[in-house]
Amino acid sequence: MTDKETEKKVEQLQLLEQNLQAFLVQKQQFQAQEIEVDSALNEIKDKKDAYKIVGNIMINVDAKQLNDELSQKKESLNIRIKNLEKQEEKIREKLKKIQAEVLKNIKTSQ
């Protein structure tokens, strides 16, 4: 592997690490939303009425309806988190592979 190829690999590593960081931030945001949804579900459990914020106002809604909405939102968040975890794993595997190639090249060029 030439020095230019090694430089390209290092640039690719940096880009992958940036992508990984972006995925981790996004995953944290979804996990925080999931915690909020869980908290809301616990609060409305065993209640007939609940309140929902719509725009700048709070409206009275049926707790069962709100429970259903929150459960769907939680399911959606879980799917998104799992997808991000799969993408994260793929990026980590790619990172390991490229790091190994770069290290191997550095050792052989010394």
N, C-alpha and C. Protein backbone atom coordinates (compact mmCIF):
# COMPACT_ATOMS: atom_id res chain seq x y z
N MET A 1 0.86 -1.18 0.00
CA MET A 1 0.00 0.00 0.00
C MET A 1 0.90 1.24 0.00
N THR A 2 0.63 2.19 -0.87
CA THR A 2 1.43 3.40 -0.96
C THR A 2 1.03 4.39 0.13
N ASP A 3 1.85 5.43 0.26
CA ASP A 3 1.55 6.45 1.25
C ASP A 3 0.24 7.17 0.94
N LYS A 4 -0.02 7.37 -0.35
CA LYS A 4 -1.28 8.03 -0.74
C LYS A 4 -2.48 7.17 -0.38
N GLU A 5 -2.34 5.86 -0.58
CA GLU A 5 -3.44 4.95 -0.21
C GLU A 5 -3.64 4.96 1.30
N THR A 6 -2.53 5.01 2.02
CA THR A 6 -2.62 5.07 3.48
C THR A 6 -3.31 6.36 3.92
N GLU A 7 -2.96 7.46 3.29
CA GLU A 7 -3.60 8.74 3.60
C GLU A 7 -5.10 8.67 3.34
N LYS A 8 -5.46 8.06 2.22
CA LYS A 8 -6.89 7.91 1.90
C LYS A 8 -7.61 7.09 2.97
N LYS A 9 -6.94 6.03 3.41
CA LYS A 9 -7.54 5.16 4.44
C LYS A 9 -7.71 5.94 5.75
N VAL A 10 -6.72 6.77 6.09
CA VAL A 10 -6.80 7.56 7.31
C VAL A 10 -7.95 8.57 7.20
N GLU A 11 -8.09 9.19 6.04
CA GLU A 11 -9.21 10.11 5.82
C GLU A 11 -10.54 9.37 5.94
N GLN A 12 -10.58 8.18 5.39
CA GLN A 12 -11.79 7.36 5.47
C GLN A 12 -12.10 7.03 6.93
N LEU A 13 -11.06 6.74 7.71
CA LEU A 13 -11.24 6.46 9.13
C LEU A 13 -11.85 7.67 9.84
N GLN A 14 -11.33 8.84 9.55
CA GLN A 14 -11.83 10.05 10.19
C GLN A 14 -13.30 10.28 9.84
N LEU A 15 -13.63 10.08 8.59
CA LEU A 15 -15.02 10.25 8.15
C LEU A 15 -15.94 9.24 8.84
N LEU A 16 -15.49 8.00 8.94
CA LEU A 16 -16.30 6.98 9.60
C LEU A 16 -16.48 7.30 11.08
N GLU A 17 -15.44 7.83 11.71
CA GLU A 17 -15.55 8.19 13.12
C GLU A 17 -16.54 9.34 13.31
N GLN A 18 -16.54 10.29 12.38
CA GLN A 18 -17.52 11.38 12.45
C GLN A 18 -18.94 10.84 12.27
N ASN A 19 -19.11 9.92 11.34
CA ASN A 19 -20.42 9.31 11.13
C ASN A 19 -20.87 8.56 12.38
N LEU A 20 -19.94 7.85 12.98
CA LEU A 20 -20.25 7.09 14.19
C LEU A 20 -20.69 8.04 15.30
N GLN A 21 -19.99 9.16 15.46
CA GLN A 21 -20.37 10.14 16.47
C GLN A 21 -21.78 10.68 16.21
N ALA A 22 -22.09 10.95 14.95
CA ALA A 22 -23.41 11.46 14.61
C ALA A 22 -24.49 10.42 14.95
N PHE A 23 -24.21 9.16 14.65
CA PHE A 23 -25.17 8.09 14.98
C PHE A 23 -25.36 8.00 16.49
N LEU A 24 -24.28 8.12 17.24
CA LEU A 24 -24.37 8.02 18.70
C LEU A 24 -25.19 9.17 19.28
N VAL A 25 -25.02 10.37 18.75
CA VAL A 25 -25.79 11.52 19.23
C VAL A 25 -27.27 11.31 18.92
N GLN A 26 -27.55 10.86 17.71
CA GLN A 26 -28.94 10.63 17.31
C GLN A 26 -29.56 9.52 18.18
N LYS A 27 -28.79 8.48 18.44
CA LYS A 27 -29.28 7.37 19.27
C LYS A 27 -29.60 7.87 20.69
N GLN A 28 -28.73 8.73 21.24
CA GLN A 28 -28.96 9.28 22.57
C GLN A 28 -30.24 10.11 22.60
N GLN A 29 -30.49 10.86 21.54
CA GLN A 29 -31.71 11.67 21.48
C GLN A 29 -32.94 10.78 21.48
N PHE A 30 -32.91 9.72 20.68
CA PHE A 30 -34.04 8.80 20.65
C PHE A 30 -34.22 8.09 21.98
N GLN A 31 -33.13 7.73 22.63
CA GLN A 31 -33.22 7.07 23.94
C GLN A 31 -33.82 8.02 24.98
N ALA A 32 -33.46 9.30 24.91
CA ALA A 32 -34.02 10.29 25.83
C ALA A 32 -35.52 10.43 25.59
N GLN A 33 -35.93 10.44 24.33
CA GLN A 33 -37.36 10.51 24.01
C GLN A 33 -38.08 9.27 24.52
N GLU A 34 -37.43 8.13 24.40
CA GLU A 34 -38.03 6.88 24.88
C GLU A 34 -38.24 6.93 26.39
N ILE A 35 -37.30 7.48 27.11
CA ILE A 35 -37.42 7.61 28.57
C ILE A 35 -38.59 8.53 28.91
N GLU A 36 -38.74 9.63 28.15
CA GLU A 36 -39.86 10.55 28.36
C GLU A 36 -41.19 9.85 28.12
N VAL A 37 -41.25 9.05 27.06
CA VAL A 37 -42.49 8.33 26.74
C VAL A 37 -42.81 7.32 27.84
N ASP A 38 -41.80 6.60 28.31
CA ASP A 38 -42.02 5.64 29.41
C ASP A 38 -42.55 6.34 30.66
N SER A 39 -41.96 7.50 30.95
CA SER A 39 -42.40 8.27 32.11
C SER A 39 -43.86 8.70 31.95
N ALA A 40 -44.20 9.16 30.76
CA ALA A 40 -45.58 9.59 30.50
C ALA A 40 -46.54 8.41 30.60
N LEU A 41 -46.13 7.27 30.06
CA LEU A 41 -46.99 6.07 30.15
C LEU A 41 -47.23 5.68 31.61
N ASN A 42 -46.21 5.77 32.43
CA ASN A 42 -46.36 5.45 33.85
C ASN A 42 -47.30 6.43 34.55
N GLU A 43 -47.22 7.69 34.15
CA GLU A 43 -48.07 8.72 34.78
C GLU A 43 -49.55 8.54 34.46
N ILE A 44 -49.86 8.12 33.24
CA ILE A 44 -51.28 8.02 32.86
C ILE A 44 -51.88 6.65 33.14
N LYS A 45 -51.04 5.73 33.60
CA LYS A 45 -51.53 4.39 33.92
C LYS A 45 -52.63 4.50 34.99
N ASP A 46 -53.72 3.80 34.80
CA ASP A 46 -54.84 3.76 35.74
C ASP A 46 -55.57 5.10 35.88
N LYS A 47 -55.48 5.94 34.87
CA LYS A 47 -56.19 7.21 34.90
C LYS A 47 -57.20 7.24 33.76
N LYS A 48 -58.31 7.94 33.98
CA LYS A 48 -59.33 8.06 32.94
C LYS A 48 -59.03 9.21 32.00
N ASP A 49 -58.60 10.32 32.57
CA ASP A 49 -58.31 11.52 31.77
C ASP A 49 -56.84 11.87 31.88
N ALA A 50 -56.36 12.51 30.85
CA ALA A 50 -54.98 12.97 30.82
C ALA A 50 -54.93 14.25 30.01
N TYR A 51 -53.81 14.89 30.02
CA TYR A 51 -53.64 16.12 29.26
C TYR A 51 -52.51 15.95 28.26
N LYS A 52 -52.74 16.56 27.10
CA LYS A 52 -51.77 16.45 26.01
C LYS A 52 -51.47 17.86 25.52
N ILE A 53 -50.19 18.13 25.30
CA ILE A 53 -49.81 19.44 24.80
C ILE A 53 -49.87 19.40 23.27
N VAL A 54 -50.66 20.32 22.72
CA VAL A 54 -50.80 20.45 21.27
C VAL A 54 -50.48 21.90 20.93
N GLY A 55 -49.35 22.10 20.30
CA GLY A 55 -48.91 23.47 20.01
C GLY A 55 -48.60 24.18 21.31
N ASN A 56 -49.29 25.29 21.54
CA ASN A 56 -49.06 26.07 22.77
C ASN A 56 -50.13 25.85 23.83
N ILE A 57 -51.03 24.88 23.59
CA ILE A 57 -52.09 24.65 24.57
C ILE A 57 -52.07 23.21 25.08
N MET A 58 -52.70 23.03 26.21
CA MET A 58 -52.83 21.69 26.79
C MET A 58 -54.31 21.33 26.73
N ILE A 59 -54.60 20.14 26.19
CA ILE A 59 -55.99 19.73 26.06
C ILE A 59 -56.24 18.45 26.85
N ASN A 60 -57.47 18.30 27.30
CA ASN A 60 -57.88 17.10 28.02
C ASN A 60 -58.20 16.01 27.01
N VAL A 61 -57.60 14.82 27.18
CA VAL A 61 -57.84 13.70 26.28
C VAL A 61 -58.10 12.44 27.09
N ASP A 62 -58.68 11.48 26.42
CA ASP A 62 -58.91 10.18 27.03
C ASP A 62 -57.55 9.51 27.27
N ALA A 63 -57.33 9.03 28.48
CA ALA A 63 -56.05 8.43 28.85
C ALA A 63 -55.73 7.21 27.99
N LYS A 64 -56.74 6.43 27.63
CA LYS A 64 -56.50 5.25 26.80
C LYS A 64 -56.00 5.65 25.41
N GLN A 65 -56.62 6.68 24.85
CA GLN A 65 -56.20 7.18 23.54
C GLN A 65 -54.75 7.67 23.60
N LEU A 66 -54.44 8.43 24.65
CA LEU A 66 -53.08 8.93 24.82
C LEU A 66 -52.10 7.79 25.04
N ASN A 67 -52.53 6.80 25.78
CA ASN A 67 -51.71 5.61 26.02
C ASN A 67 -51.37 4.92 24.70
N ASP A 68 -52.38 4.78 23.85
CA ASP A 68 -52.16 4.15 22.53
C ASP A 68 -51.17 4.96 21.69
N GLU A 69 -51.35 6.29 21.68
CA GLU A 69 -50.44 7.15 20.92
C GLU A 69 -49.00 7.03 21.43
N LEU A 70 -48.85 7.06 22.75
CA LEU A 70 -47.52 6.97 23.34
C LEU A 70 -46.89 5.60 23.10
N SER A 71 -47.71 4.57 23.13
CA SER A 71 -47.19 3.22 22.86
C SER A 71 -46.69 3.10 21.43
N GLN A 72 -47.42 3.69 20.49
CA GLN A 72 -46.99 3.69 19.09
C GLN A 72 -45.70 4.48 18.92
N LYS A 73 -45.63 5.61 19.61
CA LYS A 73 -44.41 6.43 19.54
C LYS A 73 -43.22 5.66 20.10
N LYS A 74 -43.44 4.95 21.21
CA LYS A 74 -42.37 4.16 21.82
C LYS A 74 -41.90 3.07 20.86
N GLU A 75 -42.84 2.41 20.22
CA GLU A 75 -42.50 1.36 19.25
C GLU A 75 -41.67 1.93 18.11
N SER A 76 -42.09 3.08 17.62
CA SER A 76 -41.35 3.75 16.54
C SER A 76 -39.93 4.11 16.98
N LEU A 77 -39.81 4.62 18.19
CA LEU A 77 -38.49 4.97 18.72
C LEU A 77 -37.61 3.73 18.86
N ASN A 78 -38.21 2.63 19.32
CA ASN A 78 -37.45 1.38 19.45
C ASN A 78 -36.92 0.91 18.10
N ILE A 79 -37.74 1.01 17.08
CA ILE A 79 -37.31 0.61 15.73
C ILE A 79 -36.16 1.49 15.26
N ARG A 80 -36.29 2.79 15.48
CA ARG A 80 -35.23 3.71 15.07
C ARG A 80 -33.92 3.43 15.81
N ILE A 81 -34.03 3.17 17.09
CA ILE A 81 -32.83 2.88 17.89
C ILE A 81 -32.17 1.60 17.39
N LYS A 82 -32.96 0.58 17.12
CA LYS A 82 -32.40 -0.69 16.62
C LYS A 82 -31.72 -0.49 15.27
N ASN A 83 -32.33 0.30 14.39
CA ASN A 83 -31.72 0.58 13.09
C ASN A 83 -30.40 1.32 13.26
N LEU A 84 -30.38 2.28 14.16
CA LEU A 84 -29.14 3.01 14.41
C LEU A 84 -28.06 2.09 14.98
N GLU A 85 -28.48 1.17 15.84
CA GLU A 85 -27.51 0.23 16.42
C GLU A 85 -26.92 -0.68 15.34
N LYS A 86 -27.75 -1.09 14.38
CA LYS A 86 -27.24 -1.91 13.27
C LYS A 86 -26.24 -1.12 12.44
N GLN A 87 -26.59 0.13 12.11
CA GLN A 87 -25.69 0.97 11.34
C GLN A 87 -24.41 1.24 12.11
N GLU A 88 -24.55 1.47 13.40
CA GLU A 88 -23.39 1.71 14.27
C GLU A 88 -22.45 0.50 14.24
N GLU A 89 -23.02 -0.68 14.33
CA GLU A 89 -22.21 -1.90 14.32
C GLU A 89 -21.47 -2.06 12.98
N LYS A 90 -22.15 -1.76 11.88
CA LYS A 90 -21.51 -1.84 10.57
C LYS A 90 -20.34 -0.87 10.47
N ILE A 91 -20.55 0.33 10.96
CA ILE A 91 -19.47 1.33 10.93
C ILE A 91 -18.31 0.89 11.80
N ARG A 92 -18.60 0.35 12.98
CA ARG A 92 -17.53 -0.13 13.86
C ARG A 92 -16.72 -1.24 13.19
N GLU A 93 -17.40 -2.16 12.51
CA GLU A 93 -16.70 -3.24 11.81
C GLU A 93 -15.80 -2.67 10.71
N LYS A 94 -16.33 -1.71 9.95
CA LYS A 94 -15.55 -1.07 8.89
C LYS A 94 -14.33 -0.36 9.48
N LEU A 95 -14.55 0.34 10.61
CA LEU A 95 -13.46 1.04 11.28
C LEU A 95 -12.35 0.07 11.68
N LYS A 96 -12.72 -1.04 12.28
CA LYS A 96 -11.73 -2.03 12.71
C LYS A 96 -10.93 -2.55 11.52
N LYS A 97 -11.64 -2.84 10.43
CA LYS A 97 -10.98 -3.38 9.24
C LYS A 97 -9.97 -2.38 8.67
N ILE A 98 -10.40 -1.13 8.53
CA ILE A 98 -9.52 -0.12 7.96
C ILE A 98 -8.37 0.19 8.91
N GLN A 99 -8.63 0.23 10.20
CA GLN A 99 -7.56 0.47 11.17
C GLN A 99 -6.50 -0.63 11.07
N ALA A 100 -6.96 -1.86 10.94
CA ALA A 100 -6.02 -2.97 10.82
C ALA A 100 -5.17 -2.82 9.56
N GLU A 101 -5.79 -2.43 8.46
CA GLU A 101 -5.06 -2.24 7.21
C GLU A 101 -4.01 -1.13 7.35
N VAL A 102 -4.41 -0.03 7.98
CA VAL A 102 -3.49 1.11 8.14
C VAL A 102 -2.33 0.71 9.04
N LEU A 103 -2.63 0.06 10.17
CA LEU A 103 -1.57 -0.36 11.09
C LEU A 103 -0.62 -1.34 10.43
N LYS A 104 -1.17 -2.25 9.66
CA LYS A 104 -0.34 -3.22 8.94
C LYS A 104 0.60 -2.50 7.97
N ASN A 105 0.05 -1.54 7.26
CA ASN A 105 0.85 -0.78 6.30
C ASN A 105 1.94 0.03 7.01
N ILE A 106 1.61 0.62 8.12
CA ILE A 106 2.60 1.41 8.87
C ILE A 106 3.72 0.51 9.36
N LYS A 107 3.38 -0.66 9.87
CA LYS A 107 4.40 -1.60 10.36
C LYS A 107 5.33 -2.08 9.24
N THR A 108 4.75 -2.33 8.07
CA THR A 108 5.56 -2.85 6.97
C THR A 108 6.43 -1.76 6.34
N SER A 109 6.01 -0.51 6.48
CA SER A 109 6.79 0.58 5.87
C SER A 109 7.91 1.06 6.78
N GLN A 110 7.95 0.61 8.02
CA GLN A 110 8.99 1.05 8.96
C GLN A 110 10.25 0.27 8.79
